PDB file of N, CA and C in Angstrom:
ATOM      1  N   MET A   1      62.460 -71.645  29.232  1.00  0.00           N
ATOM      2  CA  MET A   1      61.180 -72.009  29.822  1.00  0.00           C
ATOM      3  C   MET A   1      61.405 -73.137  30.827  1.00  0.00           C
ATOM      4  N   ILE A   2      60.651 -73.108  31.895  1.00  0.00           N
ATOM      5  CA  ILE A   2      60.769 -74.097  32.956  1.00  0.00           C
ATOM      6  C   ILE A   2      59.826 -75.260  32.656  1.00  0.00           C
ATOM      7  N   ASP A   3      60.375 -76.485  32.663  1.00  0.00           N
ATOM      8  CA  ASP A   3      59.574 -77.686  32.441  1.00  0.00           C
ATOM      9  C   ASP A   3      59.040 -78.164  33.790  1.00  0.00           C
ATOM     10  N   VAL A   4      57.840 -77.715  34.149  1.00  0.00           N
ATOM     11  CA  VAL A   4      57.319 -77.994  35.491  1.00  0.00           C
ATOM     12  C   VAL A   4      56.954 -79.460  35.702  1.00  0.00           C
ATOM     13  N   GLU A   5      56.675 -80.204  34.645  1.00  0.00           N
ATOM     14  CA  GLU A   5      56.298 -81.606  34.804  1.00  0.00           C
ATOM     15  C   GLU A   5      57.418 -82.429  35.416  1.00  0.00           C
ATOM     16  N   LYS A   6      58.667 -82.080  35.125  1.00  0.00           N
ATOM     17  CA  LYS A   6      59.786 -82.875  35.639  1.00  0.00           C
ATOM     18  C   LYS A   6      59.942 -82.735  37.151  1.00  0.00           C
ATOM     19  N   PHE A   7      59.430 -81.661  37.750  1.00  0.00           N
ATOM     20  CA  PHE A   7      59.617 -81.451  39.184  1.00  0.00           C
ATOM     21  C   PHE A   7      58.845 -82.460  40.017  1.00  0.00           C
ATOM     22  N   GLY A   8      57.725 -82.936  39.538  1.00  0.00           N
ATOM     23  CA  GLY A   8      56.958 -83.940  40.267  1.00  0.00           C
ATOM     24  C   GLY A   8      57.679 -85.265  40.384  1.00  0.00           C
ATOM     25  N   GLU A   9      58.617 -85.517  39.478  1.00  0.00           N
ATOM     26  CA  GLU A   9      59.359 -86.776  39.475  1.00  0.00           C
ATOM     27  C   GLU A   9      60.701 -86.664  40.186  1.00  0.00           C
ATOM     28  N   MET A  10      61.093 -85.457  40.597  1.00  0.00           N
ATOM     29  CA  MET A  10      62.398 -85.254  41.226  1.00  0.00           C
ATOM     30  C   MET A  10      62.335 -85.511  42.725  1.00  0.00           C
ATOM     31  N   SER A  11      63.424 -86.057  43.246  1.00  0.00           N
ATOM     32  CA  SER A  11      63.559 -86.178  44.699  1.00  0.00           C
ATOM     33  C   SER A  11      63.931 -84.802  45.246  1.00  0.00           C
ATOM     34  N   PRO A  12      63.774 -84.584  46.541  1.00  0.00           N
ATOM     35  CA  PRO A  12      64.184 -83.293  47.111  1.00  0.00           C
ATOM     36  C   PRO A  12      65.655 -82.973  46.833  1.00  0.00           C
ATOM     37  N   GLU A  13      66.503 -83.998  46.850  1.00  0.00           N
ATOM     38  CA  GLU A  13      67.927 -83.781  46.578  1.00  0.00           C
ATOM     39  C   GLU A  13      68.150 -83.333  45.134  1.00  0.00           C
ATOM     40  N   GLN A  14      67.442 -83.959  44.199  1.00  0.00           N
ATOM     41  CA  GLN A  14      67.562 -83.578  42.790  1.00  0.00           C
ATOM     42  C   GLN A  14      67.060 -82.158  42.573  1.00  0.00           C
ATOM     43  N   LEU A  15      65.973 -81.810  43.234  1.00  0.00           N
ATOM     44  CA  LEU A  15      65.415 -80.466  43.104  1.00  0.00           C
ATOM     45  C   LEU A  15      66.381 -79.425  43.661  1.00  0.00           C
ATOM     46  N   GLU A  16      66.999 -79.740  44.792  1.00  0.00           N
ATOM     47  CA  GLU A  16      67.978 -78.825  45.375  1.00  0.00           C
ATOM     48  C   GLU A  16      69.177 -78.650  44.444  1.00  0.00           C
ATOM     49  N   LYS A  17      69.641 -79.745  43.841  1.00  0.00           N
ATOM     50  CA  LYS A  17      70.760 -79.672  42.888  1.00  0.00           C
ATOM     51  C   LYS A  17      70.371 -78.808  41.685  1.00  0.00           C
ATOM     52  N   TRP A  18      69.161 -79.013  41.161  1.00  0.00           N
ATOM     53  CA  TRP A  18      68.700 -78.222  40.023  1.00  0.00           C
ATOM     54  C   TRP A  18      68.675 -76.745  40.388  1.00  0.00           C
ATOM     55  N   ALA A  19      68.175 -76.437  41.588  1.00  0.00           N
ATOM     56  CA  ALA A  19      68.072 -75.039  42.016  1.00  0.00           C
ATOM     57  C   ALA A  19      69.452 -74.391  42.119  1.00  0.00           C
ATOM     58  N   ARG A  20      70.446 -75.153  42.600  1.00  0.00           N
ATOM     59  CA  ARG A  20      71.803 -74.598  42.679  1.00  0.00           C
ATOM     60  C   ARG A  20      72.392 -74.364  41.289  1.00  0.00           C
ATOM     61  N   GLU A  21      72.067 -75.245  40.350  1.00  0.00           N
ATOM     62  CA  GLU A  21      72.608 -75.137  38.994  1.00  0.00           C
ATOM     63  C   GLU A  21      71.855 -74.111  38.151  1.00  0.00           C
ATOM     64  N   ASN A  22      70.630 -73.789  38.522  1.00  0.00           N
ATOM     65  CA  ASN A  22      69.777 -72.870  37.749  1.00  0.00           C
ATOM     66  C   ASN A  22      69.154 -71.825  38.669  1.00  0.00           C
ATOM     67  N   PRO A  23      69.964 -70.970  39.279  1.00  0.00           N
ATOM     68  CA  PRO A  23      69.417 -70.043  40.278  1.00  0.00           C
ATOM     69  C   PRO A  23      68.360 -69.084  39.725  1.00  0.00           C
ATOM     70  N   ASP A  24      68.523 -68.626  38.495  1.00  0.00           N
ATOM     71  CA  ASP A  24      67.530 -67.702  37.930  1.00  0.00           C
ATOM     72  C   ASP A  24      66.181 -68.394  37.740  1.00  0.00           C
ATOM     73  N   ASP A  25      66.211 -69.604  37.171  1.00  0.00           N
ATOM     74  CA  ASP A  25      64.966 -70.353  36.984  1.00  0.00           C
ATOM     75  C   ASP A  25      64.356 -70.741  38.325  1.00  0.00           C
ATOM     76  N   ALA A  26      65.202 -71.075  39.300  1.00  0.00           N
ATOM     77  CA  ALA A  26      64.699 -71.437  40.629  1.00  0.00           C
ATOM     78  C   ALA A  26      63.992 -70.246  41.269  1.00  0.00           C
ATOM     79  N   GLU A  27      64.550 -69.063  41.088  1.00  0.00           N
ATOM     80  CA  GLU A  27      63.909 -67.862  41.637  1.00  0.00           C
ATOM     81  C   GLU A  27      62.562 -67.611  40.958  1.00  0.00           C
ATOM     82  N   LYS A  28      62.516 -67.777  39.632  1.00  0.00           N
ATOM     83  CA  LYS A  28      61.253 -67.601  38.901  1.00  0.00           C
ATOM     84  C   LYS A  28      60.216 -68.610  39.384  1.00  0.00           C
ATOM     85  N   LEU A  29      60.639 -69.864  39.526  1.00  0.00           N
ATOM     86  CA  LEU A  29      59.722 -70.902  39.978  1.00  0.00           C
ATOM     87  C   LEU A  29      59.220 -70.597  41.386  1.00  0.00           C
ATOM     88  N   GLY A  30      60.096 -70.125  42.244  1.00  0.00           N
ATOM     89  CA  GLY A  30      59.699 -69.755  43.603  1.00  0.00           C
ATOM     90  C   GLY A  30      58.663 -68.649  43.610  1.00  0.00           C
ATOM     91  N   ARG A  31      58.856 -67.638  42.759  1.00  0.00           N
ATOM     92  CA  ARG A  31      57.880 -66.539  42.686  1.00  0.00           C
ATOM     93  C   ARG A  31      56.532 -67.042  42.179  1.00  0.00           C
ATOM     94  N   ILE A  32      56.565 -67.940  41.200  1.00  0.00           N
ATOM     95  CA  ILE A  32      55.325 -68.512  40.667  1.00  0.00           C
ATOM     96  C   ILE A  32      54.596 -69.285  41.768  1.00  0.00           C
ATOM     97  N   MET A  33      55.343 -70.088  42.532  1.00  0.00           N
ATOM     98  CA  MET A  33      54.737 -70.887  43.598  1.00  0.00           C
ATOM     99  C   MET A  33      54.131 -69.999  44.680  1.00  0.00           C
ATOM    100  N   VAL A  34      54.827 -68.944  45.057  1.00  0.00           N
ATOM    101  CA  VAL A  34      54.305 -68.017  46.064  1.00  0.00           C
ATOM    102  C   VAL A  34      53.030 -67.354  45.554  1.00  0.00           C
ATOM    103  N   ASN A  35      53.037 -66.944  44.296  1.00  0.00           N
ATOM    104  CA  ASN A  35      51.867 -66.308  43.700  1.00  0.00           C
ATOM    105  C   ASN A  35      50.665 -67.255  43.732  1.00  0.00           C
ATOM    106  N   ILE A  36      50.892 -68.511  43.373  1.00  0.00           N
ATOM    107  CA  ILE A  36      49.808 -69.500  43.382  1.00  0.00           C
ATOM    108  C   ILE A  36      49.274 -69.698  44.799  1.00  0.00           C
ATOM    109  N   LEU A  37      50.180 -69.835  45.772  1.00  0.00           N
ATOM    110  CA  LEU A  37      49.752 -70.032  47.163  1.00  0.00           C
ATOM    111  C   LEU A  37      48.975 -68.830  47.689  1.00  0.00           C
ATOM    112  N   GLU A  38      49.395 -67.620  47.320  1.00  0.00           N
ATOM    113  CA  GLU A  38      48.663 -66.423  47.742  1.00  0.00           C
ATOM    114  C   GLU A  38      47.252 -66.420  47.166  1.00  0.00           C
ATOM    115  N   LYS A  39      47.118 -66.815  45.907  1.00  0.00           N
ATOM    116  CA  LYS A  39      45.796 -66.843  45.283  1.00  0.00           C
ATOM    117  C   LYS A  39      44.904 -67.902  45.923  1.00  0.00           C
ATOM    118  N   ILE A  40      45.485 -69.064  46.221  1.00  0.00           N
ATOM    119  CA  ILE A  40      44.709 -70.126  46.864  1.00  0.00           C
ATOM    120  C   ILE A  40      44.253 -69.680  48.248  1.00  0.00           C
ATOM    121  N   SER A  41      45.166 -69.094  49.023  1.00  0.00           N
ATOM    122  CA  SER A  41      44.789 -68.668  50.377  1.00  0.00           C
ATOM    123  C   SER A  41      43.720 -67.578  50.321  1.00  0.00           C
ATOM    124  N   HIS A  42      43.804 -66.685  49.348  1.00  0.00           N
ATOM    125  CA  HIS A  42      42.783 -65.648  49.198  1.00  0.00           C
ATOM    126  C   HIS A  42      41.418 -66.287  48.917  1.00  0.00           C
ATOM    127  N   LEU A  43      41.401 -67.284  48.022  1.00  0.00           N
ATOM    128  CA  LEU A  43      40.136 -67.958  47.710  1.00  0.00           C
ATOM    129  C   LEU A  43      39.575 -68.677  48.932  1.00  0.00           C
ATOM    130  N   VAL A  44      40.442 -69.361  49.673  1.00  0.00           N
ATOM    131  CA  VAL A  44      39.989 -70.102  50.857  1.00  0.00           C
ATOM    132  C   VAL A  44      39.412 -69.147  51.891  1.00  0.00           C
ATOM    133  N   PHE A  45      40.142 -68.075  52.202  1.00  0.00           N
ATOM    134  CA  PHE A  45      39.670 -67.150  53.229  1.00  0.00           C
ATOM    135  C   PHE A  45      38.430 -66.384  52.783  1.00  0.00           C
ATOM    136  N   SER A  46      38.315 -66.099  51.498  1.00  0.00           N
ATOM    137  CA  SER A  46      37.112 -65.399  51.044  1.00  0.00           C
ATOM    138  C   SER A  46      35.892 -66.312  51.158  1.00  0.00           C
ATOM    139  N   ARG A  47      36.070 -67.614  51.009  1.00  0.00           N
ATOM    140  CA  ARG A  47      34.948 -68.552  51.165  1.00  0.00           C
ATOM    141  C   ARG A  47      34.607 -68.761  52.634  1.00  0.00           C
ATOM    142  N   ILE A  48      35.612 -68.713  53.506  1.00  0.00           N
ATOM    143  CA  ILE A  48      35.354 -68.866  54.939  1.00  0.00           C
ATOM    144  C   ILE A  48      34.514 -67.694  55.439  1.00  0.00           C
ATOM    145  N   ARG A  49      34.829 -66.495  54.960  1.00  0.00           N
ATOM    146  CA  ARG A  49      34.096 -65.295  55.389  1.00  0.00           C
ATOM    147  C   ARG A  49      32.679 -65.263  54.838  1.00  0.00           C
ATOM    148  N   ALA A  50      32.461 -65.937  53.718  1.00  0.00           N
ATOM    149  CA  ALA A  50      31.142 -65.882  53.057  1.00  0.00           C
ATOM    150  C   ALA A  50      30.084 -66.680  53.782  1.00  0.00           C
TER     151      ALA A  50
END
């Protein structure tokens, strides 16, 4: 399981190091982030059209 709370405390360099050391988890986290951004953009654009 990915501990998402620790990412807010990481520097960009630490996050990059973690991603290199944990490529599978980094890919999962990336997919989760993309999914969240897609949902947010859908909500924003649906409100703009309304």
